[in-house]
Amino acid sequence: MLNAKALRHAMIDADCSMKELAQVCKISPSALNRRMRGKVQFTLGEVMSCEERLNLSMDTRNKIFFAREVS
């Protein structure tokens, strides 16, 4: 389950806009929006692209993209 709040915080910390993250993931901004709202799941390639652009540790990546519970 995606922790969208943590993803938004990581984007702010990395000074990365929705548009830029969508470009990095090779998807449209509206497709990224659907993923962040939980309507569509991120692909493994998209997770890896986000991890690289946002400079996420493995632990942080797992907490964002593979959260068991979202508060």
N, C-alpha and C. Protein backbone atom coordinates (compact mmCIF):
# COMPACT_ATOMS: atom_id res chain seq x y z
N MET A 1 0.85 -1.18 0.00
CA MET A 1 0.00 0.00 0.00
C MET A 1 0.90 1.25 0.00
N LEU A 2 0.56 2.19 -0.80
CA LEU A 2 1.34 3.43 -0.91
C LEU A 2 1.08 4.36 0.26
N ASN A 3 2.15 4.92 0.80
CA ASN A 3 2.04 5.98 1.80
C ASN A 3 2.26 7.30 1.06
N ALA A 4 1.18 7.85 0.52
CA ALA A 4 1.25 9.05 -0.32
C ALA A 4 1.79 10.25 0.45
N LYS A 5 1.45 10.35 1.72
CA LYS A 5 1.93 11.47 2.54
C LYS A 5 3.46 11.43 2.63
N ALA A 6 4.01 10.26 2.85
CA ALA A 6 5.47 10.12 2.93
C ALA A 6 6.11 10.40 1.57
N LEU A 7 5.44 10.01 0.49
CA LEU A 7 5.97 10.30 -0.84
C LEU A 7 5.99 11.80 -1.09
N ARG A 8 4.92 12.49 -0.71
CA ARG A 8 4.90 13.95 -0.89
C ARG A 8 6.00 14.62 -0.07
N HIS A 9 6.25 14.14 1.14
CA HIS A 9 7.33 14.70 1.96
C HIS A 9 8.69 14.46 1.31
N ALA A 10 8.88 13.26 0.76
CA ALA A 10 10.14 12.95 0.08
C ALA A 10 10.33 13.84 -1.14
N MET A 11 9.24 14.12 -1.85
CA MET A 11 9.32 15.01 -3.02
C MET A 11 9.71 16.42 -2.59
N ILE A 12 9.15 16.89 -1.50
CA ILE A 12 9.50 18.23 -0.99
C ILE A 12 10.96 18.26 -0.58
N ASP A 13 11.39 17.25 0.15
CA ASP A 13 12.79 17.19 0.60
C ASP A 13 13.76 17.17 -0.57
N ALA A 14 13.36 16.53 -1.68
CA ALA A 14 14.23 16.43 -2.85
C ALA A 14 13.98 17.55 -3.86
N ASP A 15 13.11 18.52 -3.50
CA ASP A 15 12.76 19.62 -4.39
C ASP A 15 12.34 19.10 -5.77
N CYS A 16 11.38 18.19 -5.74
CA CYS A 16 10.91 17.53 -6.96
C CYS A 16 9.42 17.77 -7.12
N SER A 17 9.03 18.32 -8.25
CA SER A 17 7.62 18.59 -8.52
C SER A 17 6.93 17.34 -9.05
N MET A 18 5.61 17.38 -9.07
CA MET A 18 4.82 16.28 -9.65
C MET A 18 5.20 16.11 -11.12
N LYS A 19 5.32 17.22 -11.82
CA LYS A 19 5.64 17.16 -13.25
C LYS A 19 6.99 16.49 -13.47
N GLU A 20 7.98 16.87 -12.66
CA GLU A 20 9.31 16.29 -12.82
C GLU A 20 9.31 14.80 -12.48
N LEU A 21 8.64 14.44 -11.40
CA LEU A 21 8.61 13.02 -11.01
C LEU A 21 7.89 12.20 -12.08
N ALA A 22 6.84 12.74 -12.65
CA ALA A 22 6.14 12.05 -13.74
C ALA A 22 7.08 11.84 -14.92
N GLN A 23 7.86 12.86 -15.26
CA GLN A 23 8.81 12.73 -16.38
C GLN A 23 9.85 11.66 -16.09
N VAL A 24 10.35 11.64 -14.86
CA VAL A 24 11.36 10.64 -14.47
C VAL A 24 10.77 9.24 -14.59
N CYS A 25 9.50 9.09 -14.22
CA CYS A 25 8.82 7.79 -14.28
C CYS A 25 8.31 7.45 -15.68
N LYS A 26 8.43 8.41 -16.60
CA LYS A 26 7.97 8.25 -17.98
C LYS A 26 6.47 8.00 -18.05
N ILE A 27 5.74 8.77 -17.22
CA ILE A 27 4.27 8.74 -17.24
C ILE A 27 3.77 10.17 -17.24
N SER A 28 2.50 10.36 -17.51
CA SER A 28 1.93 11.70 -17.50
C SER A 28 1.68 12.16 -16.06
N PRO A 29 1.61 13.47 -15.85
CA PRO A 29 1.28 13.96 -14.50
C PRO A 29 -0.06 13.42 -14.00
N SER A 30 -1.03 13.25 -14.88
CA SER A 30 -2.32 12.72 -14.44
C SER A 30 -2.20 11.25 -14.04
N ALA A 31 -1.33 10.50 -14.72
CA ALA A 31 -1.09 9.10 -14.33
C ALA A 31 -0.40 9.04 -12.97
N LEU A 32 0.53 9.95 -12.73
CA LEU A 32 1.19 10.01 -11.41
C LEU A 32 0.16 10.35 -10.34
N ASN A 33 -0.72 11.27 -10.64
CA ASN A 33 -1.77 11.65 -9.70
C ASN A 33 -2.64 10.44 -9.34
N ARG A 34 -3.00 9.64 -10.33
CA ARG A 34 -3.80 8.44 -10.07
C ARG A 34 -3.05 7.46 -9.17
N ARG A 35 -1.76 7.35 -9.38
CA ARG A 35 -0.96 6.46 -8.53
C ARG A 35 -0.89 7.00 -7.10
N MET A 36 -0.70 8.29 -6.98
CA MET A 36 -0.58 8.88 -5.64
C MET A 36 -1.91 8.84 -4.88
N ARG A 37 -3.02 8.79 -5.59
CA ARG A 37 -4.33 8.66 -4.93
C ARG A 37 -4.70 7.21 -4.68
N GLY A 38 -3.85 6.29 -5.13
CA GLY A 38 -4.09 4.87 -4.89
C GLY A 38 -5.03 4.21 -5.87
N LYS A 39 -5.36 4.89 -6.95
CA LYS A 39 -6.25 4.34 -7.96
C LYS A 39 -5.54 3.30 -8.83
N VAL A 40 -4.23 3.50 -9.02
CA VAL A 40 -3.39 2.62 -9.83
C VAL A 40 -2.10 2.39 -9.05
N GLN A 41 -1.56 1.19 -9.13
CA GLN A 41 -0.31 0.90 -8.43
C GLN A 41 0.89 1.33 -9.27
N PHE A 42 1.96 1.72 -8.57
CA PHE A 42 3.23 2.01 -9.22
C PHE A 42 3.82 0.70 -9.74
N THR A 43 4.44 0.75 -10.92
CA THR A 43 5.18 -0.41 -11.41
C THR A 43 6.53 -0.45 -10.71
N LEU A 44 7.19 -1.59 -10.78
CA LEU A 44 8.51 -1.71 -10.17
C LEU A 44 9.48 -0.70 -10.78
N GLY A 45 9.42 -0.51 -12.09
CA GLY A 45 10.30 0.45 -12.75
C GLY A 45 10.05 1.88 -12.27
N GLU A 46 8.79 2.21 -12.05
CA GLU A 46 8.45 3.55 -11.55
C GLU A 46 8.96 3.74 -10.12
N VAL A 47 8.83 2.70 -9.30
CA VAL A 47 9.35 2.77 -7.92
C VAL A 47 10.85 2.99 -7.95
N MET A 48 11.54 2.27 -8.82
CA MET A 48 13.00 2.42 -8.92
C MET A 48 13.38 3.82 -9.41
N SER A 49 12.62 4.36 -10.35
CA SER A 49 12.89 5.71 -10.84
C SER A 49 12.68 6.74 -9.74
N CYS A 50 11.61 6.57 -8.97
CA CYS A 50 11.34 7.48 -7.84
C CYS A 50 12.45 7.38 -6.81
N GLU A 51 12.84 6.15 -6.51
CA GLU A 51 13.91 5.93 -5.52
C GLU A 51 15.18 6.67 -5.92
N GLU A 52 15.54 6.58 -7.18
CA GLU A 52 16.77 7.23 -7.65
C GLU A 52 16.64 8.75 -7.62
N ARG A 53 15.54 9.28 -8.18
CA ARG A 53 15.38 10.74 -8.25
C ARG A 53 15.25 11.38 -6.88
N LEU A 54 14.53 10.70 -5.98
CA LEU A 54 14.29 11.26 -4.65
C LEU A 54 15.39 10.89 -3.66
N ASN A 55 16.37 10.12 -4.13
CA ASN A 55 17.50 9.71 -3.30
C ASN A 55 17.00 9.02 -2.02
N LEU A 56 16.15 8.02 -2.20
CA LEU A 56 15.56 7.32 -1.07
C LEU A 56 16.43 6.15 -0.63
N SER A 57 16.54 5.96 0.65
CA SER A 57 17.18 4.75 1.16
C SER A 57 16.23 3.59 0.92
N MET A 58 16.74 2.39 1.01
CA MET A 58 15.91 1.21 0.83
C MET A 58 14.79 1.19 1.88
N ASP A 59 15.13 1.53 3.10
CA ASP A 59 14.13 1.55 4.17
C ASP A 59 13.03 2.57 3.89
N THR A 60 13.42 3.79 3.48
CA THR A 60 12.43 4.82 3.17
C THR A 60 11.59 4.42 1.98
N ARG A 61 12.23 3.87 0.96
CA ARG A 61 11.48 3.40 -0.21
C ARG A 61 10.42 2.38 0.19
N ASN A 62 10.81 1.44 1.05
CA ASN A 62 9.86 0.41 1.48
C ASN A 62 8.73 1.00 2.30
N LYS A 63 9.03 1.98 3.14
CA LYS A 63 7.99 2.62 3.95
C LYS A 63 7.01 3.40 3.08
N ILE A 64 7.49 3.96 1.98
CA ILE A 64 6.62 4.73 1.08
C ILE A 64 5.79 3.81 0.18
N PHE A 65 6.46 2.91 -0.51
CA PHE A 65 5.79 2.14 -1.56
C PHE A 65 5.23 0.79 -1.13
N PHE A 66 5.71 0.30 0.01
CA PHE A 66 5.27 -1.02 0.47
C PHE A 66 4.78 -0.97 1.91
N ALA A 67 4.11 0.11 2.27
CA ALA A 67 3.61 0.27 3.63
C ALA A 67 2.52 -0.76 3.92
N ARG A 68 2.59 -1.33 5.10
CA ARG A 68 1.54 -2.28 5.51
C ARG A 68 0.29 -1.53 5.93
N GLU A 69 0.51 -0.41 6.61
CA GLU A 69 -0.60 0.44 7.06
C GLU A 69 -0.25 1.87 6.76
N VAL A 70 -1.26 2.66 6.44
CA VAL A 70 -1.06 4.09 6.20
C VAL A 70 -1.87 4.84 7.23
N SER A 71 -1.19 5.74 7.94
CA SER A 71 -1.91 6.49 8.98
C SER A 71 -2.50 7.75 8.42
